[in-house]
Amino acid sequence: MLDNSGYGDYNNSIMISVGVRDLKNQLSQYLQYVKHGEKVFITEHNRIIAEISLPKDSAEDKDTEHLLDSLAKSGKVIRAIRNTSVAISSDNPTEINWVDVYRDNRDHR
């Protein structure tokens, strides 16, 4: 729901607000708004209870990445690796060569 109430930015722009039920049913649509830089306010009984927005590029995020990298180098954690071989061929599961997927995962450890 697009709402031009007083909760918007100081320049009186349009605010995007959505009820919890509608958000659940149309999450992808509202995430597209967020990806394009909009803030989405989640309401419950006409009261704002949460806000979804793009993450801020903060020093804290960079510190977390640096910490994860150092833990991975010391062998205390294993960073996740996306296996694209499954994602590419997921439209037709009969074409997935599970032996190759297993070997790829085993080789990356």
PDB file of N, CA and C in Angstrom:
ATOM      1  N   MET A   1       0.843  -1.163   0.000  1.00  0.00           N
ATOM      2  CA  MET A   1       0.000   0.000   0.000  1.00  0.00           C
ATOM      3  C   MET A   1       0.894   1.233   0.000  1.00  0.00           C
ATOM      4  N   LEU A   2       0.665   2.148  -0.887  1.00  0.00           N
ATOM      5  CA  LEU A   2       1.393   3.396  -0.890  1.00  0.00           C
ATOM      6  C   LEU A   2       0.620   4.392  -0.048  1.00  0.00           C
ATOM      7  N   ASP A   3       1.326   5.032   0.842  1.00  0.00           N
ATOM      8  CA  ASP A   3       0.688   5.914   1.793  1.00  0.00           C
ATOM      9  C   ASP A   3       1.439   7.234   1.815  1.00  0.00           C
ATOM     10  N   ASN A   4       0.747   8.329   1.712  1.00  0.00           N
ATOM     11  CA  ASN A   4       1.380   9.640   1.744  1.00  0.00           C
ATOM     12  C   ASN A   4       1.110  10.310   3.082  1.00  0.00           C
ATOM     13  N   SER A   5       1.225   9.566   4.145  1.00  0.00           N
ATOM     14  CA  SER A   5       0.968  10.109   5.474  1.00  0.00           C
ATOM     15  C   SER A   5       2.191  10.843   5.990  1.00  0.00           C
ATOM     16  N   GLY A   6       2.130  11.323   7.190  1.00  0.00           N
ATOM     17  CA  GLY A   6       3.204  12.117   7.764  1.00  0.00           C
ATOM     18  C   GLY A   6       4.438  11.335   8.132  1.00  0.00           C
ATOM     19  N   TYR A   7       4.486  10.045   7.906  1.00  0.00           N
ATOM     20  CA  TYR A   7       5.656   9.256   8.270  1.00  0.00           C
ATOM     21  C   TYR A   7       6.754   9.300   7.227  1.00  0.00           C
ATOM     22  N   GLY A   8       6.505   9.895   6.063  1.00  0.00           N
ATOM     23  CA  GLY A   8       7.469   9.905   4.966  1.00  0.00           C
ATOM     24  C   GLY A   8       8.655  10.807   5.260  1.00  0.00           C
ATOM     25  N   ASP A   9       9.528  10.956   4.266  1.00  0.00           N
ATOM     26  CA  ASP A   9      10.708  11.794   4.396  1.00  0.00           C
ATOM     27  C   ASP A   9      10.303  13.251   4.556  1.00  0.00           C
ATOM     28  N   TYR A  10      11.262  14.084   4.908  1.00  0.00           N
ATOM     29  CA  TYR A  10      10.998  15.493   5.136  1.00  0.00           C
ATOM     30  C   TYR A  10      10.544  16.211   3.880  1.00  0.00           C
ATOM     31  N   ASN A  11      10.865  15.667   2.714  1.00  0.00           N
ATOM     32  CA  ASN A  11      10.453  16.325   1.473  1.00  0.00           C
ATOM     33  C   ASN A  11       9.064  15.876   1.024  1.00  0.00           C
ATOM     34  N   ASN A  12       8.324  15.260   1.932  1.00  0.00           N
ATOM     35  CA  ASN A  12       6.928  14.867   1.696  1.00  0.00           C
ATOM     36  C   ASN A  12       6.794  13.838   0.586  1.00  0.00           C
ATOM     37  N   SER A  13       7.764  12.942   0.472  1.00  0.00           N
ATOM     38  CA  SER A  13       7.701  11.896  -0.541  1.00  0.00           C
ATOM     39  C   SER A  13       6.719  10.811  -0.110  1.00  0.00           C
ATOM     40  N   ILE A  14       6.441   9.917  -1.021  1.00  0.00           N
ATOM     41  CA  ILE A  14       5.495   8.839  -0.747  1.00  0.00           C
ATOM     42  C   ILE A  14       6.162   7.785   0.113  1.00  0.00           C
ATOM     43  N   MET A  15       5.461   7.335   1.124  1.00  0.00           N
ATOM     44  CA  MET A  15       5.955   6.296   2.013  1.00  0.00           C
ATOM     45  C   MET A  15       5.307   4.974   1.608  1.00  0.00           C
ATOM     46  N   ILE A  16       6.074   3.913   1.659  1.00  0.00           N
ATOM     47  CA  ILE A  16       5.531   2.595   1.365  1.00  0.00           C
ATOM     48  C   ILE A  16       5.290   1.903   2.699  1.00  0.00           C
ATOM     49  N   SER A  17       4.035   1.569   2.943  1.00  0.00           N
ATOM     50  CA  SER A  17       3.714   0.827   4.159  1.00  0.00           C
ATOM     51  C   SER A  17       2.853  -0.365   3.780  1.00  0.00           C
ATOM     52  N   VAL A  18       2.972  -1.412   4.587  1.00  0.00           N
ATOM     53  CA  VAL A  18       2.242  -2.639   4.285  1.00  0.00           C
ATOM     54  C   VAL A  18       1.904  -3.338   5.594  1.00  0.00           C
ATOM     55  N   GLY A  19       0.744  -3.943   5.632  1.00  0.00           N
ATOM     56  CA  GLY A  19       0.355  -4.742   6.779  1.00  0.00           C
ATOM     57  C   GLY A  19       1.085  -6.071   6.777  1.00  0.00           C
ATOM     58  N   VAL A  20       1.158  -6.686   7.922  1.00  0.00           N
ATOM     59  CA  VAL A  20       1.900  -7.931   8.078  1.00  0.00           C
ATOM     60  C   VAL A  20       1.383  -9.005   7.123  1.00  0.00           C
ATOM     61  N   ARG A  21       0.074  -9.169   7.030  1.00  0.00           N
ATOM     62  CA  ARG A  21      -0.499 -10.219   6.180  1.00  0.00           C
ATOM     63  C   ARG A  21      -0.172  -9.972   4.710  1.00  0.00           C
ATOM     64  N   ASP A  22      -0.327  -8.726   4.254  1.00  0.00           N
ATOM     65  CA  ASP A  22      -0.012  -8.420   2.859  1.00  0.00           C
ATOM     66  C   ASP A  22       1.476  -8.580   2.580  1.00  0.00           C
ATOM     67  N   LEU A  23       2.314  -8.212   3.538  1.00  0.00           N
ATOM     68  CA  LEU A  23       3.754  -8.390   3.365  1.00  0.00           C
ATOM     69  C   LEU A  23       4.084  -9.867   3.175  1.00  0.00           C
ATOM     70  N   LYS A  24       3.476 -10.703   4.001  1.00  0.00           N
ATOM     71  CA  LYS A  24       3.725 -12.140   3.900  1.00  0.00           C
ATOM     72  C   LYS A  24       3.304 -12.674   2.537  1.00  0.00           C
ATOM     73  N   ASN A  25       2.170 -12.210   2.045  1.00  0.00           N
ATOM     74  CA  ASN A  25       1.648 -12.705   0.771  1.00  0.00           C
ATOM     75  C   ASN A  25       2.380 -12.151  -0.445  1.00  0.00           C
ATOM     76  N   GLN A  26       3.007 -10.968  -0.311  1.00  0.00           N
ATOM     77  CA  GLN A  26       3.649 -10.326  -1.455  1.00  0.00           C
ATOM     78  C   GLN A  26       5.073  -9.881  -1.110  1.00  0.00           C
ATOM     79  N   LEU A  27       5.788 -10.709  -0.380  1.00  0.00           N
ATOM     80  CA  LEU A  27       7.119 -10.339   0.096  1.00  0.00           C
ATOM     81  C   LEU A  27       8.059  -9.968  -1.038  1.00  0.00           C
ATOM     82  N   SER A  28       8.061 -10.730  -2.110  1.00  0.00           N
ATOM     83  CA  SER A  28       8.970 -10.459  -3.226  1.00  0.00           C
ATOM     84  C   SER A  28       8.759  -9.061  -3.795  1.00  0.00           C
ATOM     85  N   GLN A  29       7.521  -8.652  -3.918  1.00  0.00           N
ATOM     86  CA  GLN A  29       7.215  -7.321  -4.462  1.00  0.00           C
ATOM     87  C   GLN A  29       7.801  -6.229  -3.564  1.00  0.00           C
ATOM     88  N   TYR A  30       7.629  -6.362  -2.260  1.00  0.00           N
ATOM     89  CA  TYR A  30       8.125  -5.339  -1.346  1.00  0.00           C
ATOM     90  C   TYR A  30       9.645  -5.358  -1.249  1.00  0.00           C
ATOM     91  N   LEU A  31      10.251  -6.526  -1.406  1.00  0.00           N
ATOM     92  CA  LEU A  31      11.711  -6.583  -1.431  1.00  0.00           C
ATOM     93  C   LEU A  31      12.263  -5.900  -2.682  1.00  0.00           C
ATOM     94  N   GLN A  32      11.517  -5.912  -3.771  1.00  0.00           N
ATOM     95  CA  GLN A  32      11.938  -5.177  -4.963  1.00  0.00           C
ATOM     96  C   GLN A  32      11.974  -3.675  -4.687  1.00  0.00           C
ATOM     97  N   TYR A  33      10.981  -3.167  -3.942  1.00  0.00           N
ATOM     98  CA  TYR A  33      11.007  -1.759  -3.548  1.00  0.00           C
ATOM     99  C   TYR A  33      12.273  -1.457  -2.753  1.00  0.00           C
ATOM    100  N   VAL A  34      12.592  -2.339  -1.816  1.00  0.00           N
ATOM    101  CA  VAL A  34      13.772  -2.137  -0.969  1.00  0.00           C
ATOM    102  C   VAL A  34      15.037  -2.164  -1.820  1.00  0.00           C
ATOM    103  N   LYS A  35      15.130  -3.108  -2.761  1.00  0.00           N
ATOM    104  CA  LYS A  35      16.304  -3.190  -3.633  1.00  0.00           C
ATOM    105  C   LYS A  35      16.516  -1.910  -4.424  1.00  0.00           C
ATOM    106  N   HIS A  36      15.423  -1.193  -4.701  1.00  0.00           N
ATOM    107  CA  HIS A  36      15.520   0.063  -5.446  1.00  0.00           C
ATOM    108  C   HIS A  36      15.681   1.268  -4.519  1.00  0.00           C
ATOM    109  N   GLY A  37      15.999   1.021  -3.260  1.00  0.00           N
ATOM    110  CA  GLY A  37      16.319   2.095  -2.348  1.00  0.00           C
ATOM    111  C   GLY A  37      15.175   2.640  -1.516  1.00  0.00           C
ATOM    112  N   GLU A  38      13.988   2.088  -1.652  1.00  0.00           N
ATOM    113  CA  GLU A  38      12.845   2.548  -0.863  1.00  0.00           C
ATOM    114  C   GLU A  38      12.873   1.939   0.533  1.00  0.00           C
ATOM    115  N   LYS A  39      12.263   2.617   1.464  1.00  0.00           N
ATOM    116  CA  LYS A  39      12.038   2.045   2.798  1.00  0.00           C
ATOM    117  C   LYS A  39      10.607   1.538   2.834  1.00  0.00           C
ATOM    118  N   VAL A  40      10.411   0.362   3.400  1.00  0.00           N
ATOM    119  CA  VAL A  40       9.075  -0.214   3.544  1.00  0.00           C
ATOM    120  C   VAL A  40       8.774  -0.311   5.034  1.00  0.00           C
ATOM    121  N   PHE A  41       7.677   0.319   5.438  1.00  0.00           N
ATOM    122  CA  PHE A  41       7.266   0.282   6.833  1.00  0.00           C
ATOM    123  C   PHE A  41       6.195  -0.785   6.999  1.00  0.00           C
ATOM    124  N   ILE A  42       6.376  -1.644   7.988  1.00  0.00           N
ATOM    125  CA  ILE A  42       5.434  -2.736   8.258  1.00  0.00           C
ATOM    126  C   ILE A  42       4.509  -2.283   9.378  1.00  0.00           C
ATOM    127  N   THR A  43       3.212  -2.452   9.131  1.00  0.00           N
ATOM    128  CA  THR A  43       2.228  -1.994  10.111  1.00  0.00           C
ATOM    129  C   THR A  43       1.414  -3.162  10.656  1.00  0.00           C
ATOM    130  N   GLU A  44       0.940  -2.937  11.857  1.00  0.00           N
ATOM    131  CA  GLU A  44       0.022  -3.877  12.505  1.00  0.00           C
ATOM    132  C   GLU A  44      -1.014  -3.036  13.222  1.00  0.00           C
ATOM    133  N   HIS A  45      -2.261  -3.199  12.866  1.00  0.00           N
ATOM    134  CA  HIS A  45      -3.350  -2.395  13.418  1.00  0.00           C
ATOM    135  C   HIS A  45      -3.059  -0.902  13.247  1.00  0.00           C
ATOM    136  N   ASN A  46      -2.610  -0.543  12.037  1.00  0.00           N
ATOM    137  CA  ASN A  46      -2.326   0.847  11.651  1.00  0.00           C
ATOM    138  C   ASN A  46      -1.217   1.508  12.457  1.00  0.00           C
ATOM    139  N   ARG A  47      -0.345   0.719  13.075  1.00  0.00           N
ATOM    140  CA  ARG A  47       0.809   1.260  13.794  1.00  0.00           C
ATOM    141  C   ARG A  47       2.068   0.659  13.188  1.00  0.00           C
ATOM    142  N   ILE A  48       3.079   1.492  12.933  1.00  0.00           N
ATOM    143  CA  ILE A  48       4.330   1.003  12.382  1.00  0.00           C
ATOM    144  C   ILE A  48       5.050   0.177  13.445  1.00  0.00           C
ATOM    145  N   ILE A  49       5.408  -1.062  13.070  1.00  0.00           N
ATOM    146  CA  ILE A  49       6.109  -1.934  14.016  1.00  0.00           C
ATOM    147  C   ILE A  49       7.517  -2.289  13.553  1.00  0.00           C
ATOM    148  N   ALA A  50       7.815  -2.060  12.249  1.00  0.00           N
ATOM    149  CA  ALA A  50       9.141  -2.397  11.737  1.00  0.00           C
ATOM    150  C   ALA A  50       9.388  -1.639  10.443  1.00  0.00           C
ATOM    151  N   GLU A  51      10.651  -1.656  10.042  1.00  0.00           N
ATOM    152  CA  GLU A  51      11.060  -0.997   8.806  1.00  0.00           C
ATOM    153  C   GLU A  51      12.044  -1.900   8.077  1.00  0.00           C
ATOM    154  N   ILE A  52      11.882  -2.023   6.763  1.00  0.00           N
ATOM    155  CA  ILE A  52      12.830  -2.776   5.953  1.00  0.00           C
ATOM    156  C   ILE A  52      13.520  -1.776   5.030  1.00  0.00           C
ATOM    157  N   SER A  53      14.842  -1.816   5.029  1.00  0.00           N
ATOM    158  CA  SER A  53      15.612  -0.941   4.143  1.00  0.00           C
ATOM    159  C   SER A  53      16.920  -1.627   3.795  1.00  0.00           C
ATOM    160  N   LEU A  54      17.626  -1.053   2.834  1.00  0.00           N
ATOM    161  CA  LEU A  54      18.928  -1.591   2.480  1.00  0.00           C
ATOM    162  C   LEU A  54      19.867  -1.457   3.674  1.00  0.00           C
ATOM    163  N   PRO A  55      20.787  -2.399   3.844  1.00  0.00           N
ATOM    164  CA  PRO A  55      21.740  -2.277   4.958  1.00  0.00           C
ATOM    165  C   PRO A  55      22.668  -1.094   4.729  1.00  0.00           C
ATOM    166  N   LYS A  56      23.045  -0.472   5.809  1.00  0.00           N
ATOM    167  CA  LYS A  56      23.987   0.632   5.722  1.00  0.00           C
ATOM    168  C   LYS A  56      25.391   0.063   5.591  1.00  0.00           C
ATOM    169  N   ASP A  57      26.196   0.667   4.745  1.00  0.00           N
ATOM    170  CA  ASP A  57      27.578   0.229   4.574  1.00  0.00           C
ATOM    171  C   ASP A  57      28.383   0.827   5.717  1.00  0.00           C
ATOM    172  N   SER A  58      28.487   0.062   6.788  1.00  0.00           N
ATOM    173  CA  SER A  58      29.128   0.599   7.979  1.00  0.00           C
ATOM    174  C   SER A  58      30.452  -0.101   8.258  1.00  0.00           C
ATOM    175  N   ALA A  59      31.235   0.514   9.109  1.00  0.00           N
ATOM    176  CA  ALA A  59      32.505  -0.080   9.516  1.00  0.00           C
ATOM    177  C   ALA A  59      32.257  -1.394  10.254  1.00  0.00           C
ATOM    178  N   GLU A  60      31.130  -1.496  10.932  1.00  0.00           N
ATOM    179  CA  GLU A  60      30.801  -2.721  11.669  1.00  0.00           C
ATOM    180  C   GLU A  60      30.691  -3.914  10.718  1.00  0.00           C
ATOM    181  N   ASP A  61      30.063  -3.699   9.538  1.00  0.00           N
ATOM    182  CA  ASP A  61      29.953  -4.773   8.549  1.00  0.00           C
ATOM    183  C   ASP A  61      31.331  -5.198   8.058  1.00  0.00           C
ATOM    184  N   LYS A  62      32.197  -4.222   7.807  1.00  0.00           N
ATOM    185  CA  LYS A  62      33.544  -4.533   7.337  1.00  0.00           C
ATOM    186  C   LYS A  62      34.338  -5.257   8.417  1.00  0.00           C
ATOM    187  N   ASP A  63      34.131  -4.873   9.682  1.00  0.00           N
ATOM    188  CA  ASP A  63      34.804  -5.561  10.782  1.00  0.00           C
ATOM    189  C   ASP A  63      34.364  -7.017  10.867  1.00  0.00           C
ATOM    190  N   THR A  64      33.088  -7.265  10.634  1.00  0.00           N
ATOM    191  CA  THR A  64      32.568  -8.626  10.674  1.00  0.00           C
ATOM    192  C   THR A  64      33.186  -9.468   9.565  1.00  0.00           C
ATOM    193  N   GLU A  65      33.268  -8.905   8.356  1.00  0.00           N
ATOM    194  CA  GLU A  65      33.897  -9.626   7.242  1.00  0.00           C
ATOM    195  C   GLU A  65      35.363  -9.917   7.546  1.00  0.00           C
ATOM    196  N   HIS A  66      36.059  -8.942   8.113  1.00  0.00           N
ATOM    197  CA  HIS A  66      37.470  -9.127   8.457  1.00  0.00           C
ATOM    198  C   HIS A  66      37.615 -10.235   9.511  1.00  0.00           C
ATOM    199  N   LEU A  67      36.728 -10.230  10.511  1.00  0.00           N
ATOM    200  CA  LEU A  67      36.755 -11.261  11.549  1.00  0.00           C
ATOM    201  C   LEU A  67      36.508 -12.641  10.948  1.00  0.00           C
ATOM    202  N   LEU A  68      35.504 -12.758  10.072  1.00  0.00           N
ATOM    203  CA  LEU A  68      35.219 -14.051   9.435  1.00  0.00           C
ATOM    204  C   LEU A  68      36.396 -14.524   8.589  1.00  0.00           C
ATOM    205  N   ASP A  69      37.035 -13.593   7.864  1.00  0.00           N
ATOM    206  CA  ASP A  69      38.211 -13.967   7.063  1.00  0.00           C
ATOM    207  C   ASP A  69      39.339 -14.494   7.937  1.00  0.00           C
ATOM    208  N   SER A  70      39.593 -13.826   9.057  1.00  0.00           N
ATOM    209  CA  SER A  70      40.690 -14.270   9.923  1.00  0.00           C
ATOM    210  C   SER A  70      40.360 -15.604  10.593  1.00  0.00           C
ATOM    211  N   LEU A  71      39.103 -15.811  10.951  1.00  0.00           N
ATOM    212  CA  LEU A  71      38.706 -17.102  11.527  1.00  0.00           C
ATOM    213  C   LEU A  71      38.828 -18.217  10.494  1.00  0.00           C
ATOM    214  N   ALA A  72      38.493 -17.909   9.231  1.00  0.00           N
ATOM    215  CA  ALA A  72      38.620 -18.911   8.174  1.00  0.00           C
ATOM    216  C   ALA A  72      40.083 -19.260   7.940  1.00  0.00           C
ATOM    217  N   LYS A  73      40.974 -18.262   7.961  1.00  0.00           N
ATOM    218  CA  LYS A  73      42.401 -18.519   7.758  1.00  0.00           C
ATOM    219  C   LYS A  73      42.986 -19.369   8.876  1.00  0.00           C
ATOM    220  N   SER A  74      42.449 -19.197  10.089  1.00  0.00           N
ATOM    221  CA  SER A  74      42.960 -19.975  11.214  1.00  0.00           C
ATOM    222  C   SER A  74      42.313 -21.358  11.299  1.00  0.00           C
ATOM    223  N   GLY A  75      41.309 -21.618  10.421  1.00  0.00           N
ATOM    224  CA  GLY A  75      40.673 -22.932  10.390  1.00  0.00           C
ATOM    225  C   GLY A  75      39.543 -23.105  11.385  1.00  0.00           C
ATOM    226  N   LYS A  76      39.116 -22.019  12.029  1.00  0.00           N
ATOM    227  CA  LYS A  76      38.043 -22.123  13.023  1.00  0.00           C
ATOM    228  C   LYS A  76      36.653 -22.112  12.400  1.00  0.00           C
ATOM    229  N   VAL A  77      36.528 -21.520  11.208  1.00  0.00           N
ATOM    230  CA  VAL A  77      35.257 -21.542  10.476  1.00  0.00           C
ATOM    231  C   VAL A  77      35.551 -21.848   9.018  1.00  0.00           C
ATOM    232  N   ILE A  78      34.519 -22.302   8.321  1.00  0.00           N
ATOM    233  CA  ILE A  78      34.611 -22.528   6.884  1.00  0.00           C
ATOM    234  C   ILE A  78      33.591 -21.600   6.236  1.00  0.00           C
ATOM    235  N   ARG A  79      34.080 -20.703   5.379  1.00  0.00           N
ATOM    236  CA  ARG A  79      33.186 -19.778   4.698  1.00  0.00           C
ATOM    237  C   ARG A  79      32.331 -20.543   3.688  1.00  0.00           C
ATOM    238  N   ALA A  80      31.088 -20.149   3.542  1.00  0.00           N
ATOM    239  CA  ALA A  80      30.175 -20.803   2.611  1.00  0.00           C
ATOM    240  C   ALA A  80      30.584 -20.507   1.177  1.00  0.00           C
ATOM    241  N   ILE A  81      30.444 -21.514   0.327  1.00  0.00           N
ATOM    242  CA  ILE A  81      30.730 -21.372  -1.092  1.00  0.00           C
ATOM    243  C   ILE A  81      29.474 -21.773  -1.838  1.00  0.00           C
ATOM    244  N   ARG A  82      28.981 -20.883  -2.684  1.00  0.00           N
ATOM    245  CA  ARG A  82      27.781 -21.193  -3.460  1.00  0.00           C
ATOM    246  C   ARG A  82      28.145 -22.147  -4.579  1.00  0.00           C
ATOM    247  N   ASN A  83      27.404 -23.225  -4.658  1.00  0.00           N
ATOM    248  CA  ASN A  83      27.605 -24.212  -5.705  1.00  0.00           C
ATOM    249  C   ASN A  83      26.646 -23.886  -6.847  1.00  0.00           C
ATOM    250  N   THR A  84      27.154 -23.291  -7.897  1.00  0.00           N
ATOM    251  CA  THR A  84      26.293 -22.861  -8.998  1.00  0.00           C
ATOM    252  C   THR A  84      25.825 -24.002  -9.873  1.00  0.00           C
ATOM    253  N   SER A  85      26.455 -25.156  -9.792  1.00  0.00           N
ATOM    254  CA  SER A  85      26.052 -26.251 -10.663  1.00  0.00           C
ATOM    255  C   SER A  85      24.630 -26.704 -10.367  1.00  0.00           C
ATOM    256  N   VAL A  86      24.194 -26.628  -9.132  1.00  0.00           N
ATOM    257  CA  VAL A  86      22.828 -27.001  -8.781  1.00  0.00           C
ATOM    258  C   VAL A  86      21.873 -25.889  -9.158  1.00  0.00           C
ATOM    259  N   ALA A  87      22.251 -24.638  -8.916  1.00  0.00           N
ATOM    260  CA  ALA A  87      21.367 -23.510  -9.198  1.00  0.00           C
ATOM    261  C   ALA A  87      21.077 -23.373 -10.684  1.00  0.00           C
ATOM    262  N   ILE A  88      22.041 -23.632 -11.521  1.00  0.00           N
ATOM    263  CA  ILE A  88      21.861 -23.473 -12.958  1.00  0.00           C
ATOM    264  C   ILE A  88      20.893 -24.504 -13.509  1.00  0.00           C
ATOM    265  N   SER A  89      20.983 -25.734 -13.064  1.00  0.00           N
ATOM    266  CA  SER A  89      20.174 -26.796 -13.646  1.00  0.00           C
ATOM    267  C   SER A  89      18.983 -27.190 -12.788  1.00  0.00           C
ATOM    268  N   SER A  90      18.553 -26.312 -11.867  1.00  0.00           N
ATOM    269  CA  SER A  90      17.466 -26.693 -10.965  1.00  0.00           C
ATOM    270  C   SER A  90      16.108 -26.740 -11.659  1.00  0.00           C
ATOM    271  N   ASP A  91      15.987 -26.191 -12.886  1.00  0.00           N
ATOM    272  CA  ASP A  91      14.707 -26.248 -13.598  1.00  0.00           C
ATOM    273  C   ASP A  91      14.332 -27.671 -13.976  1.00  0.00           C
ATOM    274  N   ASN A  92      15.323 -28.485 -14.228  1.00  0.00           N
ATOM    275  CA  ASN A  92      15.075 -29.867 -14.614  1.00  0.00           C
ATOM    276  C   ASN A  92      15.930 -30.768 -13.719  1.00  0.00           C
ATOM    277  N   PRO A  93      15.372 -31.197 -12.579  1.00  0.00           N
ATOM    278  CA  PRO A  93      16.165 -31.964 -11.620  1.00  0.00           C
ATOM    279  C   PRO A  93      16.728 -33.267 -12.159  1.00  0.00           C
ATOM    280  N   THR A  94      16.170 -33.796 -13.244  1.00  0.00           N
ATOM    281  CA  THR A  94      16.699 -35.048 -13.781  1.00  0.00           C
ATOM    282  C   THR A  94      18.048 -34.841 -14.449  1.00  0.00           C
ATOM    283  N   GLU A  95      18.406 -33.586 -14.778  1.00  0.00           N
ATOM    284  CA  GLU A  95      19.681 -33.311 -15.429  1.00  0.00           C
ATOM    285  C   GLU A  95      20.813 -33.066 -14.432  1.00  0.00           C
ATOM    286  N   ILE A  96      20.531 -33.068 -13.158  1.00  0.00           N
ATOM    287  CA  ILE A  96      21.567 -32.817 -12.156  1.00  0.00           C
ATOM    288  C   ILE A  96      22.405 -34.078 -11.996  1.00  0.00           C
ATOM    289  N   ASN A  97      23.694 -33.934 -12.152  1.00  0.00           N
ATOM    290  CA  ASN A  97      24.610 -35.036 -11.933  1.00  0.00           C
ATOM    291  C   ASN A  97      25.063 -34.953 -10.464  1.00  0.00           C
ATOM    292  N   TRP A  98      24.390 -35.674  -9.602  1.00  0.00           N
ATOM    293  CA  TRP A  98      24.621 -35.563  -8.166  1.00  0.00           C
ATOM    294  C   TRP A  98      26.016 -36.020  -7.765  1.00  0.00           C
ATOM    295  N   VAL A  99      26.609 -36.904  -8.532  1.00  0.00           N
ATOM    296  CA  VAL A  99      27.973 -37.341  -8.243  1.00  0.00           C
ATOM    297  C   VAL A  99      28.930 -36.162  -8.406  1.00  0.00           C
ATOM    298  N   ASP A 100      28.756 -35.379  -9.486  1.00  0.00           N
ATOM    299  CA  ASP A 100      29.600 -34.200  -9.704  1.00  0.00           C
ATOM    300  C   ASP A 100      29.378 -33.146  -8.615  1.00  0.00           C
ATOM    301  N   VAL A 101      28.128 -32.963  -8.217  1.00  0.00           N
ATOM    302  CA  VAL A 101      27.828 -32.003  -7.150  1.00  0.00           C
ATOM    303  C   VAL A 101      28.532 -32.422  -5.863  1.00  0.00           C
ATOM    304  N   TYR A 102      28.447 -33.711  -5.544  1.00  0.00           N
ATOM    305  CA  TYR A 102      29.110 -34.223  -4.347  1.00  0.00           C
ATOM    306  C   TYR A 102      30.627 -34.006  -4.430  1.00  0.00           C
ATOM    307  N   ARG A 103      31.215 -34.313  -5.557  1.00  0.00           N
ATOM    308  CA  ARG A 103      32.667 -34.151  -5.729  1.00  0.00           C
ATOM    309  C   ARG A 103      33.071 -32.679  -5.625  1.00  0.00           C
ATOM    310  N   ASP A 104      32.278 -31.776  -6.225  1.00  0.00           N
ATOM    311  CA  ASP A 104      32.575 -30.345  -6.128  1.00  0.00           C
ATOM    312  C   ASP A 104      32.571 -29.890  -4.670  1.00  0.00           C
ATOM    313  N   ASN A 105      31.570 -30.307  -3.932  1.00  0.00           N
ATOM    314  CA  ASN A 105      31.481 -29.917  -2.523  1.00  0.00           C
ATOM    315  C   ASN A 105      32.628 -30.508  -1.714  1.00  0.00           C
ATOM    316  N   ARG A 106      32.964 -31.750  -1.987  1.00  0.00           N
ATOM    317  CA  ARG A 106      34.044 -32.412  -1.258  1.00  0.00           C
ATOM    318  C   ARG A 106      35.386 -31.748  -1.571  1.00  0.00           C
ATOM    319  N   ASP A 107      35.605 -31.387  -2.829  1.00  0.00           N
ATOM    320  CA  ASP A 107      36.865 -30.781  -3.237  1.00  0.00           C
ATOM    321  C   ASP A 107      37.064 -29.387  -2.665  1.00  0.00           C
ATOM    322  N   HIS A 108      35.992 -28.664  -2.361  1.00  0.00           N
ATOM    323  CA  HIS A 108      36.097 -27.297  -1.829  1.00  0.00           C
ATOM    324  C   HIS A 108      36.322 -27.264  -0.322  1.00  0.00           C
ATOM    325  N   ARG A 109      36.346 -28.386   0.312  1.00  0.00           N
ATOM    326  CA  ARG A 109      36.547 -28.402   1.774  1.00  0.00           C
ATOM    327  C   ARG A 109      37.957 -28.422   2.118  1.00  0.00           C
TER     328      ARG A 109
END
